[in-house]
Amino acid sequence: MNVTHYMSLLMDNQPWNLIIFMAIPVILAETITVTEFFILFNKNLQGGLKTFNKMCSIIAGLYFTGVFLYLFPTAFVPLTVNGEWHTWVDVVAVGFYLSGVFFLLPLALLELGLIGRKRNSEEKLKLHFILVSGFLVVAHIAMIFGMVNPEIVNGMAGMPGMK
């Protein structure tokens, strides 16, 4: 069975690539989401849970930016330049995975006070929630397309035997 480069990355160097490229960013994002729900429902914008949420947001944003800075030149660019993509499914999986940086980096910058300075606490919380939600959406799209066997896409063009 043929696999996407996304899945190949996660399967190589077990269990380290799985931990580094999937577990750490996704667990951080899910932790941020869960703590965010408690913060929203309790309307408690201060305290230990908010501090924990803020720290996870900064770590997730900076960590995933490092992942992006590593994978973009070492994987995405060479695959594109050399035409080594395994169909459009592969491009979608890797592209959506890497697009997570557009959500997690601003999340860290928001928590570090480098963006959104003029927003009130409610507006910041809303933006924070949108950013972490956006990351979870693109990460899950990457996971779904990453698990698709690229060969089935190639074989679907004429669908032989189907009338």
Foldseek 3Di string as FASTA:
>chain_A
DAFAVLVVQCPPPPPVSVCLQPVLLVVLLVLLLVLLVVCVVVVPCDDDSVVVSLVSLLCNLVSLVVVLVVCCVVPVVVCVVVVPGLPVLNVLLVVLSSCLNVQSNVSNCLSVCNPPVVPDPVVSSVSNNVSSVSSVVSNVSSVVSRGDRSVVVVVPPVVPPDD
